[in-house]
């Protein structure tokens, strides 16, 4: 059986995005996962035959990065993998270079978003340069969305000829059976959170940081809250940049920090509208998850979100950092219950037709069967 080695910085990346792919690929290939297993709890990951602990830190650390490159190169040479597949920028840089040094014949990297998009100056130039290094030493480049691919081509990171998107896009799609709207679940969580039936709840799901547009969402919500006392804001996810403290200076009431959850498919059902006013996004998996739950979407027009909604059919799109447009769209959906329901129904249909997890994983298996 031929062997594929996936390389990530943390096992959390595999748990979040790769499990369904491992399930499909393990039918034809032996799967190995390289990650920094000391970083998080070492739980078993299904469909992985072997795992290897190599310290690939997410942040730049020259000494440890060089050590990781050396150890990984030796390991890849010993194991003689047929293909190496890297995910996330740091794992991509070290993994692809190590695969090249070890003469691994097939070296694949998938782009899922660009940290440098919101950076400036020397840091931006350096991060862009490192992305070009990943491309130079890869044999195949995947991108998890067509709009992101065109963005990378425009920025001279990749070319039309050396990159592709599998299917309609998305790194992993979404589990149609898991994200299924249920009246009893909605009732349970709205009761738990103290929401009345006539409350209009706006929800955010994801890593809470400035680049996700959280502060913009807070300003728009505060304006809305003054005019419509029945609006609520539900924030779900890990607080990376002490957003909770910052939001306390912006929003006076009617918001709640839920924190991280392993059951987004349940918690989000407490909401009436999903918001992602992001400054940068690779694809926006949380958007298609929310659409599957029949939530209308309000999102920014950043390049990575282009495929996630059909404008005015499954959601509304505003300019990045345009708080007035965001406010107007939120107000529209507060006052138009019928519009909310129509957008939500269309959203679920759109995702089922284009982004089911099984269909995306089938595309990955087909890609590998043709390649390896």
Protein backbone atom coordinates (compact mmCIF):
# COMPACT_ATOMS: atom_id res chain seq x y z
CA UNK A 1 0.00 0.00 0.00
CA UNK A 2 1.40 3.40 -0.96
CA UNK A 3 2.09 5.92 1.79
CA UNK A 4 1.02 9.55 2.31
CA UNK A 5 2.43 11.75 5.06
CA UNK A 6 0.35 14.72 6.21
CA UNK A 7 2.25 17.45 8.06
CA UNK A 8 0.58 20.00 10.35
CA UNK A 9 1.74 22.17 13.25
CA UNK A 10 -0.89 20.87 15.68
CA UNK A 11 -3.14 17.79 15.72
CA UNK A 12 -6.06 20.20 16.15
CA UNK A 13 -5.72 21.08 12.46
CA UNK A 14 -6.18 17.43 11.51
CA UNK A 15 -9.13 17.04 13.86
CA UNK A 16 -10.79 20.14 12.47
CA UNK A 17 -10.25 19.64 8.73
CA UNK A 18 -8.77 16.29 7.75
CA UNK A 19 -10.67 13.46 9.45
CA UNK A 20 -13.11 12.80 6.62
CA UNK A 21 -10.22 12.91 4.12
CA UNK A 22 -8.31 10.37 6.22
CA UNK A 23 -11.39 8.13 6.23
CA UNK A 24 -11.61 8.15 2.43
CA UNK A 25 -7.86 8.07 1.70
CA UNK A 26 -7.21 5.19 4.13
CA UNK A 27 -9.19 2.93 1.79
CA UNK A 28 -6.35 3.16 -0.71
CA UNK A 29 -3.32 4.53 1.18
CA UNK A 30 -1.42 4.24 4.44
CA UNK A 31 -1.76 7.55 6.31
CA UNK A 32 0.91 9.06 8.60
CA UNK A 33 0.40 12.31 10.51
CA UNK A 34 3.35 14.46 11.61
CA UNK A 35 2.51 17.13 14.20
CA UNK A 36 3.61 18.76 17.44
CA UNK A 37 1.86 16.24 19.67
CA UNK A 38 3.12 17.82 22.88
CA UNK A 39 1.21 21.01 22.09
CA UNK A 40 -2.21 19.53 22.89
CA UNK A 41 -3.72 16.41 24.42
CA UNK A 42 -2.49 13.37 22.53
CA UNK A 43 -5.75 11.77 21.50
CA UNK A 44 -5.93 9.10 18.84
CA UNK A 45 -6.87 10.35 15.39
CA UNK A 46 -9.01 7.92 13.37
CA UNK A 47 -7.71 6.34 10.15
CA UNK A 48 -4.09 7.37 10.86
CA UNK A 49 -1.77 4.34 10.71
CA UNK A 50 1.30 6.09 12.17
CA UNK A 51 1.98 9.35 13.92
CA UNK A 52 5.25 11.18 14.43
CA UNK A 53 5.96 13.91 16.98
CA UNK A 54 8.08 16.70 15.48
CA UNK A 55 8.02 20.16 17.06
CA UNK A 56 6.73 22.49 14.35
CA UNK A 57 5.85 25.73 16.11
CA UNK A 58 3.32 28.08 14.56
CA UNK A 59 5.46 31.16 15.26
CA UNK A 60 8.90 31.87 13.82
CA UNK A 61 11.69 30.46 16.03
CA UNK A 62 14.89 30.02 14.03
CA UNK A 63 16.66 27.38 16.14
CA UNK A 64 13.64 25.14 16.70
CA UNK A 65 12.59 25.59 13.07
CA UNK A 66 15.98 24.40 11.82
CA UNK A 67 15.89 21.43 14.20
CA UNK A 68 12.38 20.54 12.98
CA UNK A 69 13.56 20.75 9.37
CA UNK A 70 16.51 18.41 10.05
CA UNK A 71 14.47 15.86 12.03
CA UNK A 72 11.66 15.88 9.50
CA UNK A 73 14.04 15.47 6.54
CA UNK A 74 15.65 12.44 8.20
CA UNK A 75 12.28 10.91 9.03
CA UNK A 76 10.87 11.40 5.52
CA UNK A 77 14.01 9.90 3.96
CA UNK A 78 13.80 6.85 6.24
CA UNK A 79 10.11 6.23 5.57
CA UNK A 80 10.23 6.84 1.80
CA UNK A 81 6.71 8.24 1.45
CA UNK A 82 5.09 8.41 -1.96
CA UNK A 83 3.63 11.83 -1.17
CA UNK A 84 3.79 14.56 1.46
CA UNK A 85 0.86 16.92 2.01
CA UNK A 86 1.25 20.06 4.17
CA UNK A 87 -1.44 22.25 5.73
CA UNK A 88 -0.99 25.76 7.27
CA UNK A 89 1.89 28.15 6.44
CA UNK A 90 4.57 27.09 8.96
CA UNK A 91 4.02 23.37 8.46
CA UNK A 92 4.00 24.06 4.73
CA UNK A 93 7.37 25.81 4.74
CA UNK A 94 9.19 23.25 6.89
CA UNK A 95 7.32 20.24 5.50
CA UNK A 96 7.78 21.04 1.82
CA UNK A 97 11.48 21.88 2.26
CA UNK A 98 12.02 18.66 4.23
CA UNK A 99 10.18 16.66 1.55
CA UNK A 100 12.36 18.23 -1.16
CA UNK A 101 15.55 17.51 0.78
CA UNK A 102 14.46 13.89 1.31
CA UNK A 103 13.57 13.54 -2.39
CA UNK A 104 9.91 12.75 -1.76
CA UNK A 105 8.53 12.60 -5.33
CA UNK A 106 5.13 14.23 -4.72
CA UNK A 107 4.99 17.35 -2.53
CA UNK A 108 1.57 18.97 -2.05
CA UNK A 109 0.62 22.10 -0.14
CA UNK A 110 -2.87 23.51 0.29
CA UNK A 111 -3.42 27.25 0.80
CA UNK A 112 -6.28 27.98 3.22
CA UNK A 113 -5.74 31.69 3.88
CA UNK A 114 -3.03 34.35 3.91
CA UNK A 115 -1.85 35.83 7.21
CA UNK A 116 0.04 38.51 5.31
CA UNK A 117 -3.09 39.97 3.69
CA UNK A 118 -3.67 42.33 6.63
CA UNK A 119 0.03 42.93 7.40
CA UNK A 120 2.17 45.82 6.19
CA UNK A 121 5.79 46.65 5.46
CA UNK A 122 8.68 44.25 5.90
CA UNK A 123 6.64 41.60 7.72
CA UNK A 124 4.18 41.39 4.83
CA UNK A 125 6.97 41.10 2.26
CA UNK A 126 8.69 38.39 4.29
CA UNK A 127 5.52 36.31 4.73
CA UNK A 128 4.70 36.60 1.03
CA UNK A 129 8.24 35.54 0.15
CA UNK A 130 7.93 32.46 2.38
CA UNK A 131 4.73 31.50 0.54
CA UNK A 132 6.62 31.70 -2.76
CA UNK A 133 9.26 29.35 -1.30
CA UNK A 134 6.54 26.82 -0.47
CA UNK A 135 5.29 27.01 -4.05
CA UNK A 136 8.78 26.74 -5.57
CA UNK A 137 9.59 23.48 -3.78
CA UNK A 138 6.12 21.90 -4.14
CA UNK A 139 5.12 19.69 -7.04
CA UNK A 140 1.40 20.41 -6.67
CA UNK A 141 -0.50 23.36 -5.15
CA UNK A 142 -4.10 23.18 -3.98
CA UNK A 143 -6.22 26.16 -2.94
CA UNK A 144 -9.47 25.83 -1.00
CA UNK A 145 -11.42 28.34 -3.09
CA UNK A 146 -11.43 29.89 -6.56
CA UNK A 147 -11.52 33.48 -5.28
CA UNK A 148 -8.51 32.80 -3.05
CA UNK A 149 -6.72 31.18 -5.98
CA UNK A 150 -7.27 34.27 -8.15
CA UNK A 151 -6.07 36.45 -5.25
CA UNK A 152 -2.85 34.42 -4.99
CA UNK A 153 -2.34 34.58 -8.75
CA UNK A 154 -2.82 38.36 -8.71
CA UNK A 155 -0.21 38.60 -5.94
CA UNK A 156 2.24 36.45 -7.96
CA UNK A 157 2.37 33.68 -5.36
CA UNK A 158 1.04 30.99 -7.70
CA UNK A 159 0.17 30.70 -11.39
CA UNK A 160 -2.81 29.40 -13.33
CA UNK A 161 -0.63 26.54 -14.53
CA UNK A 162 0.63 25.26 -11.16
CA UNK A 163 -2.46 25.39 -8.93
CA UNK A 164 -5.97 24.01 -8.71
CA UNK A 165 -9.13 23.88 -6.62
CA UNK A 166 -10.74 20.50 -5.98
CA UNK A 167 -14.47 20.52 -6.71
CA UNK A 168 -16.24 23.73 -5.70
CA UNK A 169 -13.71 24.49 -2.97
CA UNK A 170 -13.45 24.29 0.85
CA UNK A 171 -10.69 22.34 2.59
CA UNK A 172 -13.12 19.86 4.12
CA UNK A 173 -16.70 20.73 3.25
CA UNK A 174 -19.27 20.28 5.98
CA UNK A 175 -21.14 17.31 7.44
CA UNK A 176 -24.68 17.64 6.11
CA UNK A 177 -26.06 15.19 8.65
CA UNK A 178 -24.37 16.85 11.61
CA UNK A 179 -25.44 20.42 10.77
CA UNK A 180 -29.15 19.79 10.63
CA UNK A 181 -31.63 22.37 12.02
CA UNK A 182 -33.86 20.94 14.75
CA UNK A 183 -36.62 22.79 16.60
CA UNK A 184 -35.90 21.03 19.91
CA UNK A 185 -32.21 21.96 19.83
CA UNK A 186 -33.02 25.59 19.06
CA UNK A 187 -35.52 25.69 21.92
CA UNK A 188 -33.02 24.11 24.33
CA UNK A 189 -30.21 26.58 23.67
CA UNK A 190 -32.42 29.68 23.51
CA UNK A 191 -33.84 28.70 26.90
CA UNK A 192 -30.34 28.06 28.25
CA UNK A 193 -29.17 31.49 27.06
CA UNK A 194 -32.31 33.29 28.21
CA UNK A 195 -33.56 34.29 24.76
CA UNK A 196 -37.26 34.95 24.11
CA UNK A 197 -38.95 33.93 20.87
CA UNK A 198 -39.17 37.54 19.67
CA UNK A 199 -35.44 38.17 20.31
CA UNK A 200 -33.35 38.43 17.13
CA UNK A 201 -29.99 36.80 17.81
CA UNK A 202 -26.86 37.56 15.77
CA UNK A 203 -24.11 34.96 16.13
CA UNK A 204 -20.40 34.80 15.37
CA UNK A 205 -18.39 31.56 15.35
CA UNK A 206 -14.63 31.38 15.05
CA UNK A 207 -11.35 32.53 16.51
CA UNK A 208 -12.02 35.89 18.11
CA UNK A 209 -9.45 38.42 16.95
CA UNK A 210 -9.23 41.77 15.20
CA UNK A 211 -8.88 40.27 11.71
CA UNK A 212 -12.25 38.55 12.10
CA UNK A 213 -13.92 41.97 12.31
CA UNK A 214 -15.14 41.42 15.88
CA UNK A 215 -14.75 45.08 16.87
CA UNK A 216 -16.67 46.20 13.76
CA UNK A 217 -19.43 43.76 14.68
CA UNK A 218 -19.48 45.18 18.20
CA UNK A 219 -19.84 48.78 16.99
CA UNK A 220 -22.63 47.88 14.55
CA UNK A 221 -24.43 45.84 17.20
CA UNK A 222 -24.24 48.62 19.77
CA UNK A 223 -25.95 51.02 17.34
CA UNK A 224 -28.58 48.39 16.67
CA UNK A 225 -29.06 47.65 20.35
CA UNK A 226 -29.94 51.28 21.07
CA UNK A 227 -32.73 51.24 18.48
CA UNK A 228 -33.95 47.63 18.86
CA UNK A 229 -33.94 46.36 22.46
CA UNK A 230 -34.82 42.82 21.36
CA UNK A 231 -31.51 42.16 19.56
CA UNK A 232 -28.86 39.88 21.05
CA UNK A 233 -25.25 39.05 20.13
CA UNK A 234 -23.83 35.55 20.69
CA UNK A 235 -20.07 35.13 20.33
CA UNK A 236 -18.79 31.56 20.05
CA UNK A 237 -15.10 30.65 19.87
CA UNK A 238 -11.70 31.01 21.48
CA UNK A 239 -10.78 34.57 22.49
CA UNK A 240 -7.29 34.99 20.99
CA UNK A 241 -6.78 38.72 21.61
CA UNK A 242 -8.70 39.54 24.80
CA UNK A 243 -11.69 40.63 22.73
CA UNK A 244 -14.04 40.25 25.70
CA UNK A 245 -12.37 43.10 27.59
CA UNK A 246 -12.31 45.31 24.50
CA UNK A 247 -15.98 44.67 23.71
CA UNK A 248 -17.01 45.65 27.21
CA UNK A 249 -15.97 49.21 26.33
CA UNK A 250 -18.14 49.18 23.16
CA UNK A 251 -21.32 47.20 23.90
CA UNK A 252 -23.50 48.16 26.85
CA UNK A 253 -25.73 45.06 27.05
CA UNK A 254 -27.38 42.05 25.38
CA UNK A 255 -24.24 40.18 24.34
CA UNK A 256 -22.80 36.89 25.57
CA UNK A 257 -19.41 35.19 25.27
CA UNK A 258 -20.11 31.50 24.93
CA UNK A 259 -16.47 30.50 24.55
CA UNK A 260 -15.21 27.50 22.61
CA UNK A 261 -17.51 24.58 21.88
CA UNK A 262 -17.26 21.10 20.40
CA UNK A 263 -20.90 21.36 19.32
CA UNK A 264 -21.20 24.38 17.02
CA UNK A 265 -23.97 22.55 15.15
CA UNK A 266 -26.10 22.88 18.30
CA UNK A 267 -25.05 26.23 19.76
CA UNK A 268 -25.56 28.12 16.50
CA UNK A 269 -29.18 27.02 16.39
CA UNK A 270 -29.91 29.57 19.11
CA UNK A 271 -29.26 32.28 16.52
CA UNK A 272 -31.37 33.93 13.81
CA UNK A 273 -28.54 35.47 11.73
CA UNK A 274 -24.86 34.55 11.29
CA UNK A 275 -22.23 37.33 10.95
CA UNK A 276 -18.64 37.12 9.71
CA UNK A 277 -17.31 40.65 8.98
CA UNK A 278 -13.79 39.26 8.44
CA UNK A 279 -10.85 41.28 7.07
CA UNK A 280 -9.23 38.15 5.59
CA UNK A 281 -10.48 34.63 5.09
CA UNK A 282 -9.24 31.57 3.24
CA UNK A 283 -12.66 30.09 2.62
CA UNK A 284 -15.01 30.58 5.57
CA UNK A 285 -16.13 27.14 6.71
CA UNK A 286 -18.20 28.65 9.52
CA UNK A 287 -20.36 30.39 6.89
CA UNK A 288 -21.35 27.18 5.15
CA UNK A 289 -21.93 25.51 8.52
CA UNK A 290 -24.31 28.31 9.50
CA UNK A 291 -26.03 28.12 6.11
CA UNK A 292 -26.67 24.41 6.65
CA UNK A 293 -28.50 25.39 9.84
CA UNK A 294 -30.70 27.68 7.71
CA UNK A 295 -29.21 30.88 9.12
CA UNK A 296 -29.07 33.88 6.77
CA UNK A 297 -25.51 35.18 6.39
CA UNK A 298 -24.02 38.66 6.71
CA UNK A 299 -20.36 38.66 5.69
CA UNK A 300 -17.67 40.93 4.32
CA UNK A 301 -16.54 40.98 0.70
CA UNK A 302 -13.01 39.79 1.50
CA UNK A 303 -11.73 37.51 -1.26
CA UNK A 304 -12.01 34.18 0.58
CA UNK A 305 -15.74 34.44 1.25
CA UNK A 306 -16.85 34.88 -2.36
CA UNK A 307 -17.99 31.27 -2.86
CA UNK A 308 -19.59 30.83 0.55
CA UNK A 309 -22.78 32.80 -0.20
CA UNK A 310 -24.94 33.81 -3.14
CA UNK A 311 -25.48 37.52 -2.62
CA UNK A 312 -29.10 38.47 -1.88
CA UNK A 313 -30.06 34.80 -2.20
CA UNK A 314 -28.37 33.10 0.76
CA UNK A 315 -26.91 36.16 2.46
CA UNK A 316 -25.78 39.78 2.34
CA UNK A 317 -22.26 41.04 1.64
CA UNK A 318 -20.71 44.34 2.82
CA UNK A 319 -17.37 46.06 2.22
CA UNK A 320 -14.52 45.08 4.53
CA UNK A 321 -14.41 47.44 7.57
CA UNK A 322 -17.58 49.28 6.47
CA UNK A 323 -19.47 49.43 9.76
CA UNK A 324 -22.36 51.46 8.32
CA UNK A 325 -23.07 48.84 5.66
CA UNK A 326 -22.83 46.11 8.30
CA UNK A 327 -25.28 47.98 10.52
CA UNK A 328 -27.76 48.50 7.66
CA UNK A 329 -27.73 44.81 6.79
CA UNK A 330 -28.21 43.82 10.43
CA UNK A 331 -31.12 46.26 10.72
CA UNK A 332 -32.71 44.86 7.55
CA UNK A 333 -32.68 41.35 8.96
CA UNK A 334 -34.03 42.50 12.31
CA UNK A 335 -37.08 44.01 10.64
CA UNK A 336 -37.61 41.43 7.84
CA UNK A 337 -38.35 38.02 9.36
CA UNK A 338 -39.53 36.62 6.02
CA UNK A 339 -36.25 37.65 4.37
CA UNK A 340 -34.33 35.88 7.13
CA UNK A 341 -36.20 32.65 6.54
CA UNK A 342 -35.92 32.77 2.73
CA UNK A 343 -32.16 33.44 2.83
CA UNK A 344 -31.70 30.65 5.36
CA UNK A 345 -33.64 28.04 3.36
CA UNK A 346 -31.76 28.91 0.17
CA UNK A 347 -28.46 28.76 2.05
CA UNK A 348 -28.98 25.17 3.18
CA UNK A 349 -29.88 24.11 -0.38
CA UNK A 350 -26.78 25.85 -1.77
CA UNK A 351 -24.39 24.14 0.66
CA UNK A 352 -25.91 20.69 0.20
CA UNK A 353 -25.49 21.00 -3.57
CA UNK A 354 -21.88 22.23 -3.43
CA UNK A 355 -19.99 21.62 -0.19
CA UNK A 356 -20.96 18.33 1.45
CA UNK A 357 -18.00 16.76 3.30
CA UNK A 358 -18.40 13.44 1.50
CA UNK A 359 -18.27 15.08 -1.91
CA UNK A 360 -15.13 17.08 -1.00
CA UNK A 361 -13.37 13.97 0.38
CA UNK A 362 -14.33 12.03 -2.74
CA UNK A 363 -12.57 14.75 -4.74
CA UNK A 364 -9.44 14.33 -2.58
CA UNK A 365 -9.43 10.55 -3.06
CA UNK A 366 -9.85 10.95 -6.82
CA UNK A 367 -7.00 13.49 -6.89
CA UNK A 368 -4.64 11.12 -5.06
CA UNK A 369 -5.58 8.03 -7.04
CA UNK A 370 -4.72 9.86 -10.25
CA UNK A 371 -1.52 11.31 -8.79
CA UNK A 372 0.15 8.58 -6.74
